[in-house]
Amino acid sequence: QKALDHLPDEIAVLFNNPLSDDLITILCLNFLPDDALAELAESSEDQGLVLGHEVLDDYFLGKLVLHSILIVVSEKLEAYKVSFEEFQAVFKRCSNIEKQYSGLMVLLQRLHCSNGSDGEKASSGSFFWGENVADDIKLISKTTTSELIELEQLRVPDDVIQKLAYGISVSLEERASLLELKRMAMIKFIQLDELADGDDIN
């Protein structure tokens, strides 16, 4: 336990270093046997247990770690999607929000439709944002253009529009890091298979 005290409580996935040593170390803890962990911890007790990219070169351990990453990232990306039904449910639960920002739903529908979706789809099972990066970038750009000239009629406060754009921007930034992590994991996954195939040929 002492050898793991240096690890953070939460792991941040950064775009410039998504597959960090801390992330690899924590994921390996779930798959390495106790005796192997004890040996590693004993050899690195002074500086703390850190497992780097080299452990991913092991076919079986690497596949387990990378497969876990791909599953978790896919689930996490799904959580960023905001659908019409979810947004509407928030309004129904919070009547004060519904009264204050009654035009926001209409505004989102208009922006959504102008992004290439038809009106029927916008009100039935589609996503306002969080599904497609390119569409979300378009949506942010539309919140700062003349397309919002009807804001006064829709009675959507400017600060709400700013918060909307900021929220989508943060979502995009976080998803970009997760997608980069997914890309790196898939590349390494394929490399392991190619190395294994090469060994079989030899």
C-alpha atoms as a PDB file:
ATOM      1  CA  GLN A   1       0.000   0.000   0.000  1.00  0.00           C
ATOM      2  CA  LYS A   2       2.852   2.370   0.834  1.00  0.00           C
ATOM      3  CA  ALA A   3       4.269   1.943  -2.657  1.00  0.00           C
ATOM      4  CA  LEU A   4       0.950   3.153  -4.110  1.00  0.00           C
ATOM      5  CA  ASP A   5       0.484   6.191  -1.873  1.00  0.00           C
ATOM      6  CA  HIS A   6       1.974   8.482  -4.512  1.00  0.00           C
ATOM      7  CA  LEU A   7      -0.808   7.719  -6.998  1.00  0.00           C
ATOM      8  CA  PRO A   8      -3.508  10.420  -7.289  1.00  0.00           C
ATOM      9  CA  ASP A   9      -7.090   9.770  -6.219  1.00  0.00           C
ATOM     10  CA  GLU A  10      -8.259  10.787  -9.666  1.00  0.00           C
ATOM     11  CA  ILE A  11      -6.521  10.339 -13.004  1.00  0.00           C
ATOM     12  CA  ALA A  12      -6.729  13.216 -15.476  1.00  0.00           C
ATOM     13  CA  VAL A  13      -6.681  12.214 -19.146  1.00  0.00           C
ATOM     14  CA  LEU A  14      -4.715  14.957 -20.914  1.00  0.00           C
ATOM     15  CA  PHE A  15      -4.665  15.328 -24.686  1.00  0.00           C
ATOM     16  CA  ASN A  16      -0.856  15.621 -24.873  1.00  0.00           C
ATOM     17  CA  ASN A  17      -0.368  12.570 -22.605  1.00  0.00           C
ATOM     18  CA  PRO A  18      -3.579  10.539 -22.433  1.00  0.00           C
ATOM     19  CA  LEU A  19      -1.934   7.187 -21.726  1.00  0.00           C
ATOM     20  CA  SER A  20      -0.009   8.252 -18.634  1.00  0.00           C
ATOM     21  CA  ASP A  21       2.070   6.030 -16.362  1.00  0.00           C
ATOM     22  CA  ASP A  22      -0.374   6.648 -13.505  1.00  0.00           C
ATOM     23  CA  LEU A  23      -3.274   5.397 -15.629  1.00  0.00           C
ATOM     24  CA  ILE A  24      -1.328   2.325 -16.733  1.00  0.00           C
ATOM     25  CA  THR A  25      -0.277   1.586 -13.154  1.00  0.00           C
ATOM     26  CA  ILE A  26      -3.800   1.764 -11.749  1.00  0.00           C
ATOM     27  CA  LEU A  27      -5.211  -0.406 -14.530  1.00  0.00           C
ATOM     28  CA  CYS A  28      -2.483  -3.025 -14.061  1.00  0.00           C
ATOM     29  CA  LEU A  29      -3.366  -3.363 -10.383  1.00  0.00           C
ATOM     30  CA  ASN A  30      -6.565  -5.140 -11.414  1.00  0.00           C
ATOM     31  CA  PHE A  31      -4.761  -7.819 -13.421  1.00  0.00           C
ATOM     32  CA  LEU A  32      -1.397  -8.498 -11.803  1.00  0.00           C
ATOM     33  CA  PRO A  33      -1.318 -11.302  -9.192  1.00  0.00           C
ATOM     34  CA  ASP A  34      -0.605 -10.340  -5.586  1.00  0.00           C
ATOM     35  CA  ASP A  35       2.864 -11.886  -5.547  1.00  0.00           C
ATOM     36  CA  ALA A  36       3.898  -9.954  -8.660  1.00  0.00           C
ATOM     37  CA  LEU A  37       2.577  -6.709  -7.160  1.00  0.00           C
ATOM     38  CA  ALA A  38       4.389  -7.388  -3.894  1.00  0.00           C
ATOM     39  CA  GLU A  39       7.662  -7.950  -5.759  1.00  0.00           C
ATOM     40  CA  LEU A  40       7.239  -4.793  -7.819  1.00  0.00           C
ATOM     41  CA  ALA A  41       6.282  -2.750  -4.757  1.00  0.00           C
ATOM     42  CA  GLU A  42       9.297  -3.998  -2.820  1.00  0.00           C
ATOM     43  CA  SER A  43      11.702  -3.073  -5.615  1.00  0.00           C
ATOM     44  CA  SER A  44      10.248   0.431  -5.958  1.00  0.00           C
ATOM     45  CA  GLU A  45       9.261   1.212  -2.379  1.00  0.00           C
ATOM     46  CA  ASP A  46      11.476   4.295  -2.116  1.00  0.00           C
ATOM     47  CA  GLN A  47      10.038   6.044  -5.203  1.00  0.00           C
ATOM     48  CA  GLY A  48       6.620   4.454  -5.394  1.00  0.00           C
ATOM     49  CA  LEU A  49       5.287   1.858  -7.806  1.00  0.00           C
ATOM     50  CA  VAL A  50       5.045   3.201 -11.359  1.00  0.00           C
ATOM     51  CA  LEU A  51       4.422   1.006 -14.387  1.00  0.00           C
ATOM     52  CA  GLY A  52       5.118   2.566 -17.767  1.00  0.00           C
ATOM     53  CA  HIS A  53       4.344   1.800 -21.399  1.00  0.00           C
ATOM     54  CA  GLU A  54       6.741  -1.147 -21.407  1.00  0.00           C
ATOM     55  CA  VAL A  55       4.214  -3.320 -19.545  1.00  0.00           C
ATOM     56  CA  LEU A  56       1.844  -2.945 -22.499  1.00  0.00           C
ATOM     57  CA  ASP A  57       4.361  -4.873 -24.615  1.00  0.00           C
ATOM     58  CA  ASP A  58       3.346  -8.004 -22.756  1.00  0.00           C
ATOM     59  CA  TYR A  59       0.665  -9.508 -24.999  1.00  0.00           C
ATOM     60  CA  PHE A  60      -1.758 -10.743 -22.351  1.00  0.00           C
ATOM     61  CA  LEU A  61      -1.366  -7.964 -19.778  1.00  0.00           C
ATOM     62  CA  GLY A  62      -1.286  -5.345 -22.525  1.00  0.00           C
ATOM     63  CA  LYS A  63      -4.469  -6.692 -24.102  1.00  0.00           C
ATOM     64  CA  LEU A  64      -6.267  -6.693 -20.728  1.00  0.00           C
ATOM     65  CA  VAL A  65      -5.262  -3.101 -19.960  1.00  0.00           C
ATOM     66  CA  LEU A  66      -6.003  -1.783 -23.452  1.00  0.00           C
ATOM     67  CA  HIS A  67      -9.340  -3.594 -23.654  1.00  0.00           C
ATOM     68  CA  SER A  68     -10.320  -2.024 -20.309  1.00  0.00           C
ATOM     69  CA  ILE A  69      -9.385   1.413 -21.630  1.00  0.00           C
ATOM     70  CA  LEU A  70     -11.486   0.976 -24.777  1.00  0.00           C
ATOM     71  CA  ILE A  71     -14.534  -0.144 -22.798  1.00  0.00           C
ATOM     72  CA  VAL A  72     -14.298   2.669 -20.235  1.00  0.00           C
ATOM     73  CA  VAL A  73     -13.700   5.350 -22.881  1.00  0.00           C
ATOM     74  CA  SER A  74     -16.678   4.171 -24.946  1.00  0.00           C
ATOM     75  CA  GLU A  75     -18.934   4.295 -21.883  1.00  0.00           C
ATOM     76  CA  LYS A  76     -17.594   7.698 -20.884  1.00  0.00           C
ATOM     77  CA  LEU A  77     -18.174   9.162 -24.357  1.00  0.00           C
ATOM     78  CA  GLU A  78     -21.785   7.977 -24.260  1.00  0.00           C
ATOM     79  CA  ALA A  79     -22.309  10.004 -21.067  1.00  0.00           C
ATOM     80  CA  TYR A  80     -21.508  13.244 -22.916  1.00  0.00           C
ATOM     81  CA  LYS A  81     -24.487  12.906 -25.243  1.00  0.00           C
ATOM     82  CA  VAL A  82     -27.374  15.244 -24.390  1.00  0.00           C
ATOM     83  CA  SER A  83     -30.652  14.240 -26.015  1.00  0.00           C
ATOM     84  CA  PHE A  84     -33.858  16.157 -26.529  1.00  0.00           C
ATOM     85  CA  GLU A  85     -35.655  13.916 -24.014  1.00  0.00           C
ATOM     86  CA  GLU A  86     -32.984  14.408 -21.324  1.00  0.00           C
ATOM     87  CA  PHE A  87     -32.993  18.151 -21.745  1.00  0.00           C
ATOM     88  CA  GLN A  88     -36.771  18.258 -21.647  1.00  0.00           C
ATOM     89  CA  ALA A  89     -36.832  16.116 -18.484  1.00  0.00           C
ATOM     90  CA  VAL A  90     -34.671  18.676 -16.676  1.00  0.00           C
ATOM     91  CA  PHE A  91     -37.152  21.412 -17.542  1.00  0.00           C
ATOM     92  CA  LYS A  92     -40.079  19.358 -16.288  1.00  0.00           C
ATOM     93  CA  ARG A  93     -38.353  18.655 -12.962  1.00  0.00           C
ATOM     94  CA  CYS A  94     -37.427  22.313 -12.450  1.00  0.00           C
ATOM     95  CA  SER A  95     -40.449  24.479 -13.124  1.00  0.00           C
ATOM     96  CA  ASN A  96     -38.559  27.676 -12.241  1.00  0.00           C
ATOM     97  CA  ILE A  97     -36.010  26.944 -14.970  1.00  0.00           C
ATOM     98  CA  GLU A  98     -38.750  26.164 -17.444  1.00  0.00           C
ATOM     99  CA  LYS A  99     -40.402  29.533 -16.880  1.00  0.00           C
ATOM    100  CA  GLN A 100     -37.165  31.523 -16.931  1.00  0.00           C
ATOM    101  CA  TYR A 101     -35.621  29.870 -19.984  1.00  0.00           C
ATOM    102  CA  SER A 102     -38.680  28.825 -21.932  1.00  0.00           C
ATOM    103  CA  GLY A 103     -37.062  29.914 -25.198  1.00  0.00           C
ATOM    104  CA  LEU A 104     -33.933  27.843 -24.732  1.00  0.00           C
ATOM    105  CA  MET A 105     -35.556  24.599 -25.901  1.00  0.00           C
ATOM    106  CA  VAL A 106     -36.899  26.346 -28.992  1.00  0.00           C
ATOM    107  CA  LEU A 107     -33.491  27.873 -29.647  1.00  0.00           C
ATOM    108  CA  LEU A 108     -31.732  24.527 -29.366  1.00  0.00           C
ATOM    109  CA  GLN A 109     -34.223  22.937 -31.722  1.00  0.00           C
ATOM    110  CA  ARG A 110     -33.641  25.687 -34.297  1.00  0.00           C
ATOM    111  CA  LEU A 111     -29.869  25.402 -34.010  1.00  0.00           C
ATOM    112  CA  HIS A 112     -30.102  21.628 -34.150  1.00  0.00           C
ATOM    113  CA  CYS A 113     -32.213  21.732 -37.302  1.00  0.00           C
ATOM    114  CA  SER A 114     -29.917  24.276 -38.960  1.00  0.00           C
ATOM    115  CA  ASN A 115     -27.069  21.859 -38.239  1.00  0.00           C
ATOM    116  CA  GLY A 116     -28.590  19.469 -40.731  1.00  0.00           C
ATOM    117  CA  SER A 117     -31.257  17.650 -38.700  1.00  0.00           C
ATOM    118  CA  ASP A 118     -34.926  17.716 -39.562  1.00  0.00           C
ATOM    119  CA  GLY A 119     -37.502  19.056 -37.152  1.00  0.00           C
ATOM    120  CA  GLU A 120     -39.079  15.671 -36.456  1.00  0.00           C
ATOM    121  CA  LYS A 121     -35.752  14.105 -35.557  1.00  0.00           C
ATOM    122  CA  ALA A 122     -34.889  17.000 -33.284  1.00  0.00           C
ATOM    123  CA  SER A 123     -37.859  16.153 -31.095  1.00  0.00           C
ATOM    124  CA  SER A 124     -37.515  12.382 -31.147  1.00  0.00           C
ATOM    125  CA  GLY A 125     -34.438  10.600 -29.873  1.00  0.00           C
ATOM    126  CA  SER A 126     -31.773  12.829 -31.383  1.00  0.00           C
ATOM    127  CA  PHE A 127     -28.930  14.591 -29.603  1.00  0.00           C
ATOM    128  CA  PHE A 128     -28.519  18.314 -29.151  1.00  0.00           C
ATOM    129  CA  TRP A 129     -24.773  17.829 -28.647  1.00  0.00           C
ATOM    130  CA  GLY A 130     -22.215  15.276 -27.532  1.00  0.00           C
ATOM    131  CA  GLU A 131     -22.613  12.830 -30.407  1.00  0.00           C
ATOM    132  CA  ASN A 132     -20.468  14.300 -33.180  1.00  0.00           C
ATOM    133  CA  VAL A 133     -17.467  16.587 -32.697  1.00  0.00           C
ATOM    134  CA  ALA A 134     -17.890  18.388 -36.034  1.00  0.00           C
ATOM    135  CA  ASP A 135     -21.583  19.079 -35.350  1.00  0.00           C
ATOM    136  CA  ASP A 136     -20.770  20.416 -31.884  1.00  0.00           C
ATOM    137  CA  ILE A 137     -18.190  22.822 -33.300  1.00  0.00           C
ATOM    138  CA  LYS A 138     -20.827  24.090 -35.735  1.00  0.00           C
ATOM    139  CA  LEU A 139     -23.293  24.462 -32.868  1.00  0.00           C
ATOM    140  CA  ILE A 140     -20.854  26.593 -30.850  1.00  0.00           C
ATOM    141  CA  SER A 141     -20.192  28.821 -33.859  1.00  0.00           C
ATOM    142  CA  LYS A 142     -23.933  29.328 -34.336  1.00  0.00           C
ATOM    143  CA  THR A 143     -24.317  30.580 -30.759  1.00  0.00           C
ATOM    144  CA  THR A 144     -22.120  33.569 -31.630  1.00  0.00           C
ATOM    145  CA  THR A 145     -23.528  34.449 -35.045  1.00  0.00           C
ATOM    146  CA  SER A 146     -26.382  36.493 -36.430  1.00  0.00           C
ATOM    147  CA  GLU A 147     -28.538  33.355 -36.443  1.00  0.00           C
ATOM    148  CA  LEU A 148     -29.446  34.274 -32.870  1.00  0.00           C
ATOM    149  CA  ILE A 149     -30.945  37.604 -33.870  1.00  0.00           C
ATOM    150  CA  GLU A 150     -34.309  36.370 -32.557  1.00  0.00           C
ATOM    151  CA  LEU A 151     -32.974  35.954 -29.020  1.00  0.00           C
ATOM    152  CA  GLU A 152     -35.121  38.753 -27.642  1.00  0.00           C
ATOM    153  CA  GLN A 153     -38.260  37.136 -28.996  1.00  0.00           C
ATOM    154  CA  LEU A 154     -37.218  33.769 -27.574  1.00  0.00           C
ATOM    155  CA  ARG A 155     -36.357  35.434 -24.246  1.00  0.00           C
ATOM    156  CA  VAL A 156     -33.105  33.554 -23.795  1.00  0.00           C
ATOM    157  CA  PRO A 157     -30.715  35.605 -21.613  1.00  0.00           C
ATOM    158  CA  ASP A 158     -27.251  36.266 -23.063  1.00  0.00           C
ATOM    159  CA  ASP A 159     -25.563  34.647 -20.077  1.00  0.00           C
ATOM    160  CA  VAL A 160     -27.483  31.420 -20.747  1.00  0.00           C
ATOM    161  CA  ILE A 161     -26.150  31.353 -24.306  1.00  0.00           C
ATOM    162  CA  GLN A 162     -22.642  31.931 -22.982  1.00  0.00           C
ATOM    163  CA  LYS A 163     -23.022  29.096 -20.476  1.00  0.00           C
ATOM    164  CA  LEU A 164     -24.362  26.843 -23.221  1.00  0.00           C
ATOM    165  CA  ALA A 165     -21.369  27.565 -25.470  1.00  0.00           C
ATOM    166  CA  TYR A 166     -18.943  27.148 -22.553  1.00  0.00           C
ATOM    167  CA  GLY A 167     -20.486  23.822 -21.532  1.00  0.00           C
ATOM    168  CA  ILE A 168     -20.258  22.437 -25.056  1.00  0.00           C
ATOM    169  CA  SER A 169     -16.662  23.709 -25.343  1.00  0.00           C
ATOM    170  CA  VAL A 170     -15.652  21.907 -22.139  1.00  0.00           C
ATOM    171  CA  SER A 171     -17.398  18.782 -23.401  1.00  0.00           C
ATOM    172  CA  LEU A 172     -15.447  18.990 -26.661  1.00  0.00           C
ATOM    173  CA  GLU A 173     -12.126  19.449 -24.871  1.00  0.00           C
ATOM    174  CA  GLU A 174     -12.693  16.478 -22.573  1.00  0.00           C
ATOM    175  CA  ARG A 175     -13.945  14.267 -25.396  1.00  0.00           C
ATOM    176  CA  ALA A 176     -10.922  15.186 -27.532  1.00  0.00           C
ATOM    177  CA  SER A 177      -8.634  13.844 -24.788  1.00  0.00           C
ATOM    178  CA  LEU A 178     -10.692  10.659 -24.452  1.00  0.00           C
ATOM    179  CA  LEU A 179     -10.695  10.128 -28.223  1.00  0.00           C
ATOM    180  CA  GLU A 180      -6.913  10.563 -28.291  1.00  0.00           C
ATOM    181  CA  LEU A 181      -6.611   7.979 -25.506  1.00  0.00           C
ATOM    182  CA  LYS A 182      -8.869   5.634 -27.502  1.00  0.00           C
ATOM    183  CA  ARG A 183      -6.772   6.180 -30.629  1.00  0.00           C
ATOM    184  CA  MET A 184      -3.521   5.390 -28.817  1.00  0.00           C
ATOM    185  CA  ALA A 185      -5.022   2.301 -27.186  1.00  0.00           C
ATOM    186  CA  MET A 186      -6.297   0.987 -30.525  1.00  0.00           C
ATOM    187  CA  ILE A 187      -2.912   1.543 -32.197  1.00  0.00           C
ATOM    188  CA  LYS A 188      -1.151  -0.367 -29.423  1.00  0.00           C
ATOM    189  CA  PHE A 189      -3.829  -3.074 -29.548  1.00  0.00           C
ATOM    190  CA  ILE A 190      -3.187  -3.600 -33.279  1.00  0.00           C
ATOM    191  CA  GLN A 191       0.587  -3.562 -32.753  1.00  0.00           C
ATOM    192  CA  LEU A 192       0.319  -6.375 -30.211  1.00  0.00           C
ATOM    193  CA  ASP A 193      -1.625  -8.494 -32.691  1.00  0.00           C
ATOM    194  CA  GLU A 194       0.895  -7.789 -35.444  1.00  0.00           C
ATOM    195  CA  LEU A 195       3.802  -8.756 -33.177  1.00  0.00           C
ATOM    196  CA  ALA A 196       1.995 -11.929 -32.137  1.00  0.00           C
ATOM    197  CA  ASP A 197       1.329 -12.839 -35.773  1.00  0.00           C
ATOM    198  CA  GLY A 198       4.979 -12.224 -36.599  1.00  0.00           C
ATOM    199  CA  ASP A 199       6.109 -14.525 -33.779  1.00  0.00           C
ATOM    200  CA  ASP A 200       3.741 -17.244 -35.016  1.00  0.00           C
ATOM    201  CA  ILE A 201       5.214 -16.990 -38.511  1.00  0.00           C
ATOM    202  CA  ASN A 202       8.731 -17.242 -37.162  1.00  0.00           C
END
